[in-house]
N, C-alpha and C. Protein backbone atom coordinates (compact mmCIF):
# COMPACT_ATOMS: atom_id res chain seq x y z
N MET A 1 13.93 -24.47 30.71
CA MET A 1 13.70 -25.72 29.99
C MET A 1 14.92 -26.61 30.14
N THR A 2 14.80 -27.65 30.89
CA THR A 2 15.93 -28.51 31.17
C THR A 2 16.26 -29.44 30.01
N GLN A 3 15.27 -29.79 29.23
CA GLN A 3 15.50 -30.65 28.08
C GLN A 3 14.61 -30.19 26.94
N ASN A 4 15.23 -29.98 25.78
CA ASN A 4 14.47 -29.52 24.64
C ASN A 4 13.64 -30.65 24.06
N ALA A 5 12.38 -30.36 23.75
CA ALA A 5 11.55 -31.35 23.08
C ALA A 5 12.03 -31.58 21.65
N PHE A 6 12.68 -30.56 21.07
CA PHE A 6 13.11 -30.64 19.67
C PHE A 6 14.55 -30.19 19.52
N ASP A 7 15.26 -30.85 18.62
CA ASP A 7 16.61 -30.44 18.26
C ASP A 7 16.59 -29.34 17.22
N ILE A 8 15.57 -29.39 16.35
CA ILE A 8 15.47 -28.47 15.22
C ILE A 8 14.09 -27.85 15.19
N VAL A 9 14.05 -26.53 14.99
CA VAL A 9 12.80 -25.83 14.74
C VAL A 9 12.88 -25.27 13.33
N GLY A 10 12.01 -25.77 12.45
CA GLY A 10 12.01 -25.34 11.06
C GLY A 10 10.87 -24.38 10.78
N PHE A 11 11.09 -23.50 9.82
CA PHE A 11 10.11 -22.48 9.48
C PHE A 11 9.87 -22.41 7.98
N ASP A 12 8.62 -22.31 7.61
CA ASP A 12 8.29 -21.80 6.28
C ASP A 12 8.70 -20.33 6.27
N LEU A 13 8.75 -19.72 5.09
CA LEU A 13 9.20 -18.33 5.00
C LEU A 13 8.02 -17.36 4.85
N ASP A 14 7.46 -17.26 3.65
CA ASP A 14 6.38 -16.31 3.39
C ASP A 14 5.13 -16.69 4.16
N GLY A 15 4.60 -15.77 4.95
CA GLY A 15 3.38 -16.03 5.68
C GLY A 15 3.59 -16.76 6.99
N THR A 16 4.84 -17.09 7.29
CA THR A 16 5.15 -17.76 8.56
C THR A 16 6.22 -17.00 9.31
N LEU A 17 7.38 -16.89 8.71
CA LEU A 17 8.48 -16.17 9.35
C LEU A 17 8.48 -14.69 8.98
N VAL A 18 8.13 -14.39 7.73
CA VAL A 18 8.10 -13.00 7.27
C VAL A 18 6.76 -12.69 6.61
N ASP A 19 6.36 -11.44 6.75
CA ASP A 19 5.18 -10.94 6.03
C ASP A 19 5.66 -10.25 4.77
N SER A 20 5.59 -10.96 3.66
CA SER A 20 6.03 -10.46 2.36
C SER A 20 4.84 -10.16 1.45
N SER A 21 3.65 -10.05 2.04
CA SER A 21 2.43 -9.99 1.24
C SER A 21 2.37 -8.77 0.34
N ILE A 22 2.80 -7.61 0.82
CA ILE A 22 2.71 -6.39 0.00
C ILE A 22 3.66 -6.48 -1.19
N ASP A 23 4.90 -6.94 -0.96
CA ASP A 23 5.85 -7.04 -2.06
C ASP A 23 5.43 -8.08 -3.09
N LEU A 24 4.87 -9.20 -2.64
CA LEU A 24 4.37 -10.20 -3.58
C LEU A 24 3.19 -9.66 -4.37
N ALA A 25 2.28 -8.97 -3.70
CA ALA A 25 1.12 -8.40 -4.39
C ALA A 25 1.55 -7.37 -5.41
N ASN A 26 2.51 -6.53 -5.05
CA ASN A 26 2.98 -5.52 -6.00
C ASN A 26 3.60 -6.15 -7.23
N ALA A 27 4.32 -7.25 -7.04
CA ALA A 27 4.95 -7.94 -8.18
C ALA A 27 3.89 -8.56 -9.09
N VAL A 28 2.90 -9.21 -8.50
CA VAL A 28 1.82 -9.82 -9.28
C VAL A 28 1.06 -8.73 -10.05
N ASN A 29 0.70 -7.68 -9.35
CA ASN A 29 -0.09 -6.63 -9.99
C ASN A 29 0.69 -5.90 -11.08
N HIS A 30 2.00 -5.77 -10.89
CA HIS A 30 2.81 -5.18 -11.96
C HIS A 30 2.75 -6.04 -13.21
N ALA A 31 2.90 -7.35 -13.04
CA ALA A 31 2.84 -8.24 -14.20
C ALA A 31 1.48 -8.18 -14.87
N LEU A 32 0.41 -8.19 -14.09
CA LEU A 32 -0.93 -8.12 -14.66
C LEU A 32 -1.16 -6.81 -15.41
N SER A 33 -0.61 -5.73 -14.89
CA SER A 33 -0.83 -4.42 -15.51
C SER A 33 -0.24 -4.33 -16.90
N THR A 34 0.80 -5.15 -17.17
CA THR A 34 1.44 -5.08 -18.49
C THR A 34 0.55 -5.64 -19.60
N ILE A 35 -0.50 -6.38 -19.21
CA ILE A 35 -1.45 -6.85 -20.23
C ILE A 35 -2.85 -6.29 -19.97
N GLY A 36 -2.89 -5.22 -19.20
CA GLY A 36 -4.15 -4.50 -19.02
C GLY A 36 -5.13 -5.10 -18.04
N LEU A 37 -4.67 -6.04 -17.19
CA LEU A 37 -5.56 -6.64 -16.21
C LEU A 37 -5.58 -5.80 -14.93
N PRO A 38 -6.72 -5.73 -14.24
CA PRO A 38 -6.82 -4.92 -13.04
C PRO A 38 -6.05 -5.56 -11.87
N PRO A 39 -5.66 -4.77 -10.88
CA PRO A 39 -4.91 -5.30 -9.73
C PRO A 39 -5.80 -6.09 -8.79
N HIS A 40 -5.17 -6.98 -8.04
CA HIS A 40 -5.82 -7.71 -6.95
C HIS A 40 -5.40 -7.08 -5.62
N SER A 41 -6.24 -7.21 -4.62
CA SER A 41 -5.89 -6.72 -3.29
C SER A 41 -4.81 -7.62 -2.68
N VAL A 42 -4.13 -7.09 -1.67
CA VAL A 42 -3.13 -7.87 -0.97
C VAL A 42 -3.75 -9.12 -0.36
N ASP A 43 -4.93 -8.99 0.23
CA ASP A 43 -5.59 -10.15 0.85
C ASP A 43 -5.93 -11.22 -0.18
N GLU A 44 -6.32 -10.79 -1.40
CA GLU A 44 -6.59 -11.78 -2.45
C GLU A 44 -5.33 -12.53 -2.83
N ILE A 45 -4.24 -11.81 -3.00
CA ILE A 45 -3.00 -12.43 -3.46
C ILE A 45 -2.41 -13.33 -2.38
N LYS A 46 -2.63 -13.02 -1.11
CA LYS A 46 -2.19 -13.92 -0.05
C LYS A 46 -2.70 -15.34 -0.28
N ARG A 47 -3.93 -15.46 -0.78
CA ARG A 47 -4.52 -16.78 -0.97
C ARG A 47 -3.90 -17.53 -2.14
N TYR A 48 -3.17 -16.84 -2.99
CA TYR A 48 -2.56 -17.47 -4.16
C TYR A 48 -1.15 -17.97 -3.88
N VAL A 49 -0.59 -17.60 -2.73
CA VAL A 49 0.80 -17.94 -2.39
C VAL A 49 0.86 -19.37 -1.86
N GLY A 50 1.98 -20.04 -2.10
CA GLY A 50 2.17 -21.33 -1.45
C GLY A 50 2.85 -22.39 -2.30
N LYS A 51 2.74 -22.28 -3.62
CA LYS A 51 3.36 -23.30 -4.47
C LYS A 51 4.32 -22.71 -5.49
N GLY A 52 4.86 -21.55 -5.14
CA GLY A 52 5.86 -20.95 -6.02
C GLY A 52 5.30 -19.79 -6.83
N THR A 53 6.22 -19.05 -7.42
CA THR A 53 5.88 -17.81 -8.13
C THR A 53 4.96 -18.05 -9.32
N ARG A 54 5.25 -19.06 -10.10
CA ARG A 54 4.47 -19.33 -11.31
C ARG A 54 3.02 -19.68 -10.96
N VAL A 55 2.85 -20.53 -9.95
CA VAL A 55 1.49 -20.91 -9.53
C VAL A 55 0.75 -19.70 -8.97
N MET A 56 1.44 -18.87 -8.18
CA MET A 56 0.83 -17.65 -7.65
C MET A 56 0.30 -16.78 -8.78
N LEU A 57 1.11 -16.57 -9.80
CA LEU A 57 0.69 -15.75 -10.93
C LEU A 57 -0.45 -16.41 -11.70
N ALA A 58 -0.37 -17.71 -11.91
CA ALA A 58 -1.44 -18.41 -12.63
C ALA A 58 -2.76 -18.27 -11.90
N ARG A 59 -2.75 -18.38 -10.59
CA ARG A 59 -3.98 -18.23 -9.81
C ARG A 59 -4.55 -16.83 -9.96
N ALA A 60 -3.68 -15.83 -9.96
CA ALA A 60 -4.15 -14.45 -10.11
C ALA A 60 -4.74 -14.23 -11.50
N MET A 61 -4.11 -14.79 -12.51
CA MET A 61 -4.62 -14.65 -13.87
C MET A 61 -5.98 -15.33 -14.02
N LYS A 62 -6.10 -16.52 -13.46
CA LYS A 62 -7.37 -17.24 -13.55
C LYS A 62 -8.47 -16.48 -12.81
N ALA A 63 -8.13 -15.87 -11.68
CA ALA A 63 -9.12 -15.08 -10.95
C ALA A 63 -9.55 -13.85 -11.74
N SER A 64 -8.68 -13.39 -12.63
CA SER A 64 -9.01 -12.25 -13.49
C SER A 64 -9.81 -12.67 -14.71
N GLY A 65 -9.92 -13.97 -14.93
CA GLY A 65 -10.66 -14.47 -16.08
C GLY A 65 -9.93 -14.36 -17.39
N ASP A 66 -8.60 -14.23 -17.33
CA ASP A 66 -7.81 -14.07 -18.56
C ASP A 66 -6.54 -14.89 -18.42
N TYR A 67 -6.68 -16.21 -18.62
CA TYR A 67 -5.54 -17.10 -18.45
C TYR A 67 -5.30 -17.92 -19.71
N SER A 68 -4.02 -18.08 -20.02
CA SER A 68 -3.60 -19.08 -21.00
C SER A 68 -2.16 -19.45 -20.66
N ASP A 69 -1.75 -20.64 -21.04
CA ASP A 69 -0.38 -21.06 -20.77
C ASP A 69 0.62 -20.13 -21.44
N GLU A 70 0.27 -19.66 -22.63
CA GLU A 70 1.17 -18.78 -23.37
C GLU A 70 1.35 -17.45 -22.63
N ARG A 71 0.26 -16.90 -22.12
CA ARG A 71 0.36 -15.64 -21.37
C ARG A 71 1.10 -15.84 -20.06
N LEU A 72 0.86 -16.97 -19.41
CA LEU A 72 1.59 -17.26 -18.18
C LEU A 72 3.08 -17.34 -18.45
N ASP A 73 3.47 -18.01 -19.53
CA ASP A 73 4.89 -18.11 -19.90
C ASP A 73 5.49 -16.72 -20.12
N ALA A 74 4.72 -15.84 -20.74
CA ALA A 74 5.22 -14.51 -21.04
C ALA A 74 5.31 -13.62 -19.80
N LEU A 75 4.33 -13.76 -18.89
CA LEU A 75 4.27 -12.88 -17.73
C LEU A 75 5.16 -13.32 -16.57
N THR A 76 5.48 -14.60 -16.48
CA THR A 76 6.28 -15.08 -15.35
C THR A 76 7.62 -14.36 -15.24
N PRO A 77 8.40 -14.22 -16.32
CA PRO A 77 9.67 -13.47 -16.18
C PRO A 77 9.46 -12.00 -15.88
N VAL A 78 8.34 -11.43 -16.30
CA VAL A 78 8.03 -10.03 -15.97
C VAL A 78 7.87 -9.88 -14.46
N LEU A 79 7.09 -10.80 -13.87
CA LEU A 79 6.91 -10.79 -12.42
C LEU A 79 8.24 -11.01 -11.71
N MET A 80 9.00 -12.00 -12.15
CA MET A 80 10.25 -12.32 -11.47
C MET A 80 11.24 -11.18 -11.52
N ASP A 81 11.35 -10.52 -12.67
CA ASP A 81 12.30 -9.42 -12.80
C ASP A 81 11.90 -8.27 -11.88
N TYR A 82 10.61 -7.99 -11.78
CA TYR A 82 10.14 -6.93 -10.89
C TYR A 82 10.41 -7.31 -9.44
N TYR A 83 10.07 -8.54 -9.09
CA TYR A 83 10.23 -8.98 -7.70
C TYR A 83 11.69 -8.99 -7.29
N ASP A 84 12.58 -9.35 -8.21
CA ASP A 84 14.02 -9.30 -7.94
C ASP A 84 14.43 -7.93 -7.41
N ARG A 85 13.83 -6.89 -7.94
CA ARG A 85 14.22 -5.52 -7.60
C ARG A 85 13.47 -4.97 -6.38
N HIS A 86 12.46 -5.71 -5.91
CA HIS A 86 11.61 -5.18 -4.84
C HIS A 86 11.33 -6.25 -3.77
N LEU A 87 12.33 -7.05 -3.45
CA LEU A 87 12.14 -8.16 -2.52
C LEU A 87 11.75 -7.70 -1.13
N CYS A 88 12.35 -6.63 -0.69
CA CYS A 88 12.18 -6.22 0.71
C CYS A 88 11.78 -4.76 0.85
N ASP A 89 10.99 -4.28 -0.09
CA ASP A 89 10.48 -2.91 0.06
C ASP A 89 9.63 -2.80 1.33
N HIS A 90 8.84 -3.83 1.58
CA HIS A 90 7.93 -3.82 2.73
C HIS A 90 8.06 -5.07 3.60
N THR A 91 8.81 -6.07 3.16
CA THR A 91 8.88 -7.35 3.84
C THR A 91 9.68 -7.26 5.14
N LEU A 92 9.10 -7.81 6.21
CA LEU A 92 9.75 -7.85 7.51
C LEU A 92 9.37 -9.13 8.24
N PRO A 93 10.19 -9.58 9.18
CA PRO A 93 9.79 -10.70 10.04
C PRO A 93 8.54 -10.32 10.85
N TYR A 94 7.72 -11.31 11.14
CA TYR A 94 6.55 -11.06 11.97
C TYR A 94 6.97 -10.62 13.38
N PRO A 95 6.15 -9.84 14.06
CA PRO A 95 6.49 -9.39 15.41
C PRO A 95 6.84 -10.56 16.33
N GLY A 96 7.94 -10.39 17.04
CA GLY A 96 8.37 -11.40 17.99
C GLY A 96 9.19 -12.53 17.41
N ALA A 97 9.29 -12.61 16.09
CA ALA A 97 9.98 -13.74 15.46
C ALA A 97 11.47 -13.75 15.79
N LEU A 98 12.13 -12.61 15.63
CA LEU A 98 13.57 -12.57 15.86
C LEU A 98 13.90 -12.89 17.32
N GLU A 99 13.12 -12.33 18.23
CA GLU A 99 13.36 -12.58 19.65
C GLU A 99 13.16 -14.06 20.00
N ALA A 100 12.11 -14.66 19.44
CA ALA A 100 11.86 -16.08 19.69
C ALA A 100 12.99 -16.94 19.16
N MET A 101 13.48 -16.64 17.96
CA MET A 101 14.54 -17.45 17.38
C MET A 101 15.84 -17.31 18.16
N GLU A 102 16.15 -16.10 18.60
CA GLU A 102 17.36 -15.91 19.41
C GLU A 102 17.28 -16.71 20.70
N THR A 103 16.11 -16.74 21.32
CA THR A 103 15.93 -17.50 22.56
C THR A 103 16.08 -19.00 22.31
N LEU A 104 15.48 -19.48 21.23
CA LEU A 104 15.59 -20.90 20.91
C LEU A 104 17.04 -21.30 20.66
N ARG A 105 17.76 -20.47 19.94
CA ARG A 105 19.18 -20.77 19.69
C ARG A 105 19.98 -20.76 21.00
N ALA A 106 19.67 -19.81 21.86
CA ALA A 106 20.37 -19.74 23.14
C ALA A 106 20.12 -20.98 24.00
N ARG A 107 18.99 -21.64 23.76
CA ARG A 107 18.65 -22.84 24.51
C ARG A 107 19.09 -24.12 23.80
N GLY A 108 19.88 -23.95 22.76
CA GLY A 108 20.52 -25.10 22.14
C GLY A 108 19.80 -25.70 20.95
N MET A 109 18.71 -25.09 20.51
CA MET A 109 18.00 -25.62 19.35
C MET A 109 18.56 -25.04 18.06
N ARG A 110 18.53 -25.84 17.03
CA ARG A 110 18.99 -25.40 15.72
C ARG A 110 17.78 -24.94 14.90
N LEU A 111 17.97 -23.88 14.11
CA LEU A 111 16.89 -23.32 13.31
C LEU A 111 17.15 -23.54 11.83
N ALA A 112 16.07 -23.69 11.06
CA ALA A 112 16.19 -23.92 9.63
C ALA A 112 14.97 -23.38 8.92
N ILE A 113 15.10 -23.20 7.62
CA ILE A 113 14.00 -22.75 6.77
C ILE A 113 13.76 -23.80 5.68
N CYS A 114 12.48 -24.07 5.40
CA CYS A 114 12.10 -24.85 4.24
C CYS A 114 10.95 -24.12 3.56
N THR A 115 11.21 -23.56 2.40
CA THR A 115 10.25 -22.74 1.69
C THR A 115 10.09 -23.23 0.26
N ASN A 116 8.93 -22.98 -0.32
CA ASN A 116 8.75 -23.27 -1.74
C ASN A 116 9.19 -22.11 -2.63
N LYS A 117 9.64 -21.03 -2.02
CA LYS A 117 10.18 -19.90 -2.76
C LYS A 117 11.50 -20.33 -3.40
N PHE A 118 11.78 -19.85 -4.61
CA PHE A 118 13.01 -20.24 -5.30
C PHE A 118 14.23 -19.63 -4.62
N GLU A 119 15.38 -20.30 -4.79
CA GLU A 119 16.63 -19.79 -4.26
C GLU A 119 16.93 -18.39 -4.78
N ARG A 120 16.56 -18.11 -6.00
CA ARG A 120 16.80 -16.80 -6.62
C ARG A 120 16.27 -15.66 -5.78
N PHE A 121 15.15 -15.90 -5.11
CA PHE A 121 14.54 -14.86 -4.28
C PHE A 121 14.85 -15.05 -2.80
N THR A 122 14.94 -16.30 -2.36
CA THR A 122 15.08 -16.56 -0.93
C THR A 122 16.38 -16.03 -0.36
N PHE A 123 17.50 -16.38 -0.98
CA PHE A 123 18.78 -16.00 -0.40
C PHE A 123 19.03 -14.50 -0.41
N PRO A 124 18.69 -13.78 -1.48
CA PRO A 124 18.81 -12.31 -1.40
C PRO A 124 17.89 -11.71 -0.34
N MET A 125 16.67 -12.25 -0.19
CA MET A 125 15.77 -11.73 0.84
C MET A 125 16.37 -11.93 2.23
N ILE A 126 16.86 -13.15 2.49
CA ILE A 126 17.45 -13.44 3.80
C ILE A 126 18.64 -12.53 4.06
N GLU A 127 19.44 -12.28 3.03
CA GLU A 127 20.60 -11.40 3.18
C GLU A 127 20.16 -9.97 3.47
N GLN A 128 19.15 -9.48 2.73
CA GLN A 128 18.69 -8.11 2.94
C GLN A 128 18.07 -7.94 4.33
N LEU A 129 17.44 -8.98 4.84
CA LEU A 129 16.85 -8.91 6.18
C LEU A 129 17.89 -9.09 7.27
N GLY A 130 19.08 -9.58 6.91
CA GLY A 130 20.17 -9.74 7.86
C GLY A 130 19.96 -10.86 8.87
N ILE A 131 19.28 -11.93 8.45
CA ILE A 131 18.96 -13.00 9.40
C ILE A 131 19.60 -14.34 9.02
N GLY A 132 20.45 -14.34 8.02
CA GLY A 132 21.00 -15.61 7.53
C GLY A 132 21.78 -16.39 8.57
N ASP A 133 22.47 -15.71 9.49
CA ASP A 133 23.30 -16.39 10.48
C ASP A 133 22.49 -17.18 11.50
N LEU A 134 21.17 -16.98 11.52
CA LEU A 134 20.34 -17.69 12.50
C LEU A 134 20.10 -19.14 12.12
N PHE A 135 20.33 -19.51 10.85
CA PHE A 135 19.85 -20.79 10.35
C PHE A 135 20.99 -21.74 10.00
N GLU A 136 20.76 -23.01 10.34
CA GLU A 136 21.71 -24.06 9.98
C GLU A 136 21.67 -24.34 8.48
N THR A 137 20.47 -24.29 7.91
CA THR A 137 20.31 -24.54 6.48
C THR A 137 19.04 -23.86 6.00
N ILE A 138 19.00 -23.60 4.70
CA ILE A 138 17.82 -23.02 4.06
C ILE A 138 17.53 -23.85 2.81
N ILE A 139 16.38 -24.50 2.80
CA ILE A 139 15.96 -25.34 1.68
C ILE A 139 14.86 -24.59 0.93
N CYS A 140 15.05 -24.44 -0.37
CA CYS A 140 14.10 -23.69 -1.20
C CYS A 140 13.33 -24.62 -2.13
N GLY A 141 12.39 -24.05 -2.86
CA GLY A 141 11.53 -24.85 -3.72
C GLY A 141 12.27 -25.56 -4.83
N ASP A 142 13.46 -25.05 -5.19
CA ASP A 142 14.24 -25.68 -6.26
C ASP A 142 15.57 -26.25 -5.76
N THR A 143 15.71 -26.42 -4.44
CA THR A 143 16.97 -26.92 -3.90
C THR A 143 17.16 -28.41 -4.14
N VAL A 144 16.11 -29.19 -3.91
CA VAL A 144 16.24 -30.65 -4.04
C VAL A 144 15.39 -31.21 -5.18
N GLY A 145 14.81 -30.34 -5.97
CA GLY A 145 14.02 -30.80 -7.12
C GLY A 145 12.58 -31.11 -6.81
N LYS A 146 12.19 -31.01 -5.55
CA LYS A 146 10.80 -31.23 -5.16
C LYS A 146 10.44 -30.18 -4.11
N ALA A 147 9.14 -29.91 -3.98
CA ALA A 147 8.68 -28.88 -3.05
C ALA A 147 7.62 -29.45 -2.12
N LYS A 148 7.39 -28.77 -1.01
CA LYS A 148 6.30 -29.14 -0.11
C LYS A 148 4.97 -29.13 -0.87
N PRO A 149 4.07 -30.07 -0.64
CA PRO A 149 4.01 -30.98 0.51
C PRO A 149 4.78 -32.29 0.35
N LYS A 150 5.61 -32.42 -0.68
CA LYS A 150 6.47 -33.59 -0.76
C LYS A 150 7.39 -33.62 0.46
N PRO A 151 7.72 -34.78 0.97
CA PRO A 151 8.55 -34.83 2.17
C PRO A 151 10.03 -34.55 1.94
N GLU A 152 10.49 -34.70 0.70
CA GLU A 152 11.93 -34.62 0.43
C GLU A 152 12.59 -33.32 0.89
N PRO A 153 12.01 -32.14 0.64
CA PRO A 153 12.69 -30.93 1.11
C PRO A 153 12.76 -30.83 2.62
N LEU A 154 11.74 -31.32 3.31
CA LEU A 154 11.78 -31.31 4.78
C LEU A 154 12.78 -32.32 5.31
N HIS A 155 12.88 -33.47 4.67
CA HIS A 155 13.91 -34.43 5.06
C HIS A 155 15.30 -33.81 4.86
N ALA A 156 15.48 -33.09 3.74
CA ALA A 156 16.77 -32.44 3.48
C ALA A 156 17.06 -31.38 4.54
N MET A 157 16.04 -30.64 4.94
CA MET A 157 16.20 -29.62 5.98
C MET A 157 16.71 -30.24 7.27
N VAL A 158 16.09 -31.36 7.68
CA VAL A 158 16.50 -32.02 8.92
C VAL A 158 17.92 -32.56 8.79
N GLU A 159 18.19 -33.23 7.68
CA GLU A 159 19.51 -33.83 7.49
C GLU A 159 20.61 -32.77 7.47
N ARG A 160 20.38 -31.68 6.75
CA ARG A 160 21.41 -30.65 6.62
C ARG A 160 21.53 -29.79 7.88
N SER A 161 20.57 -29.94 8.79
CA SER A 161 20.66 -29.25 10.07
C SER A 161 21.31 -30.12 11.14
N GLY A 162 21.74 -31.30 10.76
CA GLY A 162 22.44 -32.17 11.69
C GLY A 162 21.63 -33.30 12.25
N GLY A 163 20.35 -33.41 11.83
CA GLY A 163 19.50 -34.50 12.27
C GLY A 163 18.94 -34.31 13.66
N GLY A 164 17.94 -35.13 13.99
CA GLY A 164 17.33 -35.06 15.30
C GLY A 164 15.84 -34.81 15.21
N ASN A 165 15.23 -34.61 16.35
CA ASN A 165 13.79 -34.39 16.44
C ASN A 165 13.46 -32.97 15.98
N CYS A 166 12.42 -32.84 15.15
CA CYS A 166 12.14 -31.56 14.50
C CYS A 166 10.66 -31.21 14.61
N VAL A 167 10.38 -29.91 14.74
CA VAL A 167 9.03 -29.38 14.60
C VAL A 167 9.08 -28.32 13.51
N PHE A 168 8.00 -28.24 12.73
CA PHE A 168 7.99 -27.32 11.58
C PHE A 168 6.79 -26.39 11.67
N LEU A 169 7.03 -25.09 11.45
CA LEU A 169 5.98 -24.08 11.49
C LEU A 169 5.62 -23.65 10.07
N GLY A 170 4.31 -23.54 9.81
CA GLY A 170 3.86 -23.08 8.51
C GLY A 170 2.46 -22.54 8.57
N ASP A 171 2.02 -21.97 7.44
CA ASP A 171 0.70 -21.34 7.41
C ASP A 171 -0.24 -21.94 6.38
N THR A 172 0.22 -22.92 5.60
CA THR A 172 -0.63 -23.50 4.56
C THR A 172 -0.64 -25.02 4.65
N SER A 173 -1.53 -25.62 3.87
CA SER A 173 -1.59 -27.08 3.82
C SER A 173 -0.30 -27.66 3.26
N ASN A 174 0.40 -26.93 2.38
CA ASN A 174 1.68 -27.41 1.88
C ASN A 174 2.65 -27.65 3.04
N ASP A 175 2.63 -26.77 4.02
CA ASP A 175 3.54 -26.88 5.15
C ASP A 175 3.14 -28.00 6.10
N ILE A 176 1.88 -28.00 6.51
CA ILE A 176 1.43 -28.97 7.51
C ILE A 176 1.35 -30.37 6.91
N ASP A 177 0.86 -30.48 5.68
CA ASP A 177 0.86 -31.79 5.02
C ASP A 177 2.28 -32.26 4.75
N GLY A 178 3.15 -31.32 4.39
CA GLY A 178 4.55 -31.69 4.16
C GLY A 178 5.20 -32.23 5.42
N ALA A 179 4.95 -31.56 6.56
CA ALA A 179 5.50 -32.04 7.82
C ALA A 179 4.96 -33.43 8.14
N ARG A 180 3.66 -33.61 7.95
CA ARG A 180 3.05 -34.91 8.21
C ARG A 180 3.67 -35.98 7.30
N ASN A 181 3.84 -35.65 6.03
CA ASN A 181 4.43 -36.60 5.08
C ASN A 181 5.87 -36.94 5.44
N ALA A 182 6.55 -35.98 6.08
CA ALA A 182 7.94 -36.20 6.47
C ALA A 182 8.07 -36.83 7.84
N GLY A 183 6.95 -37.01 8.54
CA GLY A 183 6.96 -37.65 9.84
C GLY A 183 7.48 -36.76 10.96
N ILE A 184 7.25 -35.44 10.83
CA ILE A 184 7.70 -34.53 11.87
C ILE A 184 6.50 -33.73 12.42
N ALA A 185 6.66 -33.22 13.62
CA ALA A 185 5.61 -32.45 14.28
C ALA A 185 5.40 -31.11 13.56
N SER A 186 4.21 -30.54 13.73
CA SER A 186 3.89 -29.31 13.00
C SER A 186 3.14 -28.32 13.88
N ILE A 187 3.36 -27.04 13.57
CA ILE A 187 2.64 -25.94 14.21
C ILE A 187 2.12 -25.04 13.10
N ALA A 188 0.81 -24.78 13.10
CA ALA A 188 0.22 -23.86 12.14
C ALA A 188 0.15 -22.48 12.76
N VAL A 189 0.59 -21.46 12.03
CA VAL A 189 0.50 -20.09 12.53
C VAL A 189 -0.83 -19.49 12.06
N SER A 190 -1.49 -18.79 12.97
CA SER A 190 -2.81 -18.23 12.65
C SER A 190 -2.72 -16.86 12.00
N PHE A 191 -1.51 -16.27 11.97
CA PHE A 191 -1.33 -14.91 11.45
C PHE A 191 -0.79 -14.90 10.02
N GLY A 192 -0.74 -16.07 9.37
CA GLY A 192 -0.13 -16.16 8.06
C GLY A 192 -1.04 -15.75 6.93
N PHE A 193 -0.71 -16.21 5.73
CA PHE A 193 -1.43 -15.80 4.54
C PHE A 193 -2.76 -16.51 4.38
N VAL A 194 -2.90 -17.69 4.96
CA VAL A 194 -4.11 -18.48 4.80
C VAL A 194 -4.88 -18.50 6.11
N ASP A 195 -6.10 -18.00 6.09
CA ASP A 195 -6.91 -17.90 7.31
C ASP A 195 -7.66 -19.20 7.54
N ALA A 196 -6.89 -20.27 7.78
CA ALA A 196 -7.51 -21.58 7.97
C ALA A 196 -6.67 -22.45 8.88
N SER A 197 -5.96 -21.82 9.83
CA SER A 197 -5.01 -22.57 10.65
C SER A 197 -5.67 -23.72 11.40
N ALA A 198 -6.91 -23.51 11.86
CA ALA A 198 -7.58 -24.55 12.64
C ALA A 198 -7.98 -25.75 11.79
N GLU A 199 -8.00 -25.57 10.48
CA GLU A 199 -8.43 -26.63 9.58
C GLU A 199 -7.28 -27.45 9.01
N LEU A 200 -6.04 -27.07 9.32
CA LEU A 200 -4.90 -27.71 8.69
C LEU A 200 -4.49 -29.02 9.34
N GLY A 201 -4.97 -29.27 10.56
CA GLY A 201 -4.64 -30.51 11.24
C GLY A 201 -3.26 -30.55 11.84
N ALA A 202 -2.70 -29.39 12.18
CA ALA A 202 -1.38 -29.33 12.81
C ALA A 202 -1.46 -29.82 14.25
N ASP A 203 -0.31 -30.10 14.81
CA ASP A 203 -0.25 -30.55 16.20
C ASP A 203 -0.54 -29.41 17.17
N ALA A 204 -0.32 -28.18 16.76
CA ALA A 204 -0.59 -27.02 17.61
C ALA A 204 -0.79 -25.81 16.70
N ILE A 205 -1.37 -24.75 17.28
CA ILE A 205 -1.60 -23.50 16.55
C ILE A 205 -0.93 -22.37 17.33
N LEU A 206 -0.17 -21.56 16.62
CA LEU A 206 0.55 -20.44 17.22
C LEU A 206 -0.11 -19.13 16.79
N ASP A 207 -0.48 -18.31 17.76
CA ASP A 207 -1.14 -17.04 17.48
C ASP A 207 -0.19 -15.86 17.46
N HIS A 208 0.98 -15.99 18.07
CA HIS A 208 1.97 -14.91 18.09
C HIS A 208 3.32 -15.53 18.44
N PHE A 209 4.39 -15.00 17.86
CA PHE A 209 5.71 -15.55 18.14
C PHE A 209 6.11 -15.42 19.60
N ASP A 210 5.49 -14.50 20.33
CA ASP A 210 5.78 -14.40 21.76
C ASP A 210 5.43 -15.69 22.50
N ASN A 211 4.55 -16.48 21.90
CA ASN A 211 4.10 -17.72 22.55
C ASN A 211 4.87 -18.96 22.11
N LEU A 212 5.82 -18.80 21.19
CA LEU A 212 6.48 -19.99 20.64
C LEU A 212 7.36 -20.68 21.68
N VAL A 213 8.20 -19.92 22.37
CA VAL A 213 9.09 -20.54 23.35
C VAL A 213 8.30 -21.24 24.46
N PRO A 214 7.29 -20.60 25.08
CA PRO A 214 6.50 -21.34 26.07
C PRO A 214 5.81 -22.57 25.49
N MET A 215 5.35 -22.48 24.25
CA MET A 215 4.70 -23.63 23.63
C MET A 215 5.66 -24.81 23.54
N LEU A 216 6.90 -24.55 23.12
CA LEU A 216 7.87 -25.63 22.98
C LEU A 216 8.35 -26.12 24.35
N GLU A 217 8.40 -25.21 25.32
CA GLU A 217 8.77 -25.62 26.68
C GLU A 217 7.78 -26.62 27.25
N ASN A 218 6.52 -26.43 26.90
CA ASN A 218 5.46 -27.27 27.47
C ASN A 218 5.03 -28.40 26.55
N TRP A 219 5.77 -28.60 25.47
CA TRP A 219 5.42 -29.66 24.51
C TRP A 219 5.62 -31.02 25.16
N LEU A 220 4.63 -31.86 24.97
CA LEU A 220 4.72 -33.22 25.50
C LEU A 220 5.47 -34.09 24.54
N CYS A 221 6.62 -34.56 24.93
CA CYS A 221 7.46 -35.38 24.06
C CYS A 221 6.83 -36.76 23.84
């Protein structure tokens, strides 16, 4: 690749860069169990992810038919405390992700993360996975006071990565709409938490990280 189409390649975290579905499901189900609610499957809980821990739990409670703001307030710290202790019991980068990122960096592109996950969970997870040195910046759901699909966190990601042309990878409408709102190119991953990549309106769809470098090599500027 003689000239990079993009200066920055940004990634959502859960469901895009890492598969954290089992650990998230275990945290949700632990919280639900404390009030006698039955567990949800991992596939069910995948559909609740995307707008932060509290929204994920609220969606699970509503699906159980036992929701109130008071119960949500009480259960949210229960979930968070459990998840704090079990961030990476099962969480790993998706196959091919590390290799793709190393290749992109070797070719002069800067990498970044923009996630709606709180800093409280994101930075310890990144540290436990040992991948923090790969990224110029990491923007979380509470870093700039707004979350995707608002454009502000993606603008902050680009600015703090040194500026330039950016493409953003994600698995939900929060990611693809956020990229569109921020005026940057987008790639929807088909292996993420939401099985609707073709419906998100991204500029491209990625089926495996092995295909990311060739996709960017052949991107029409």
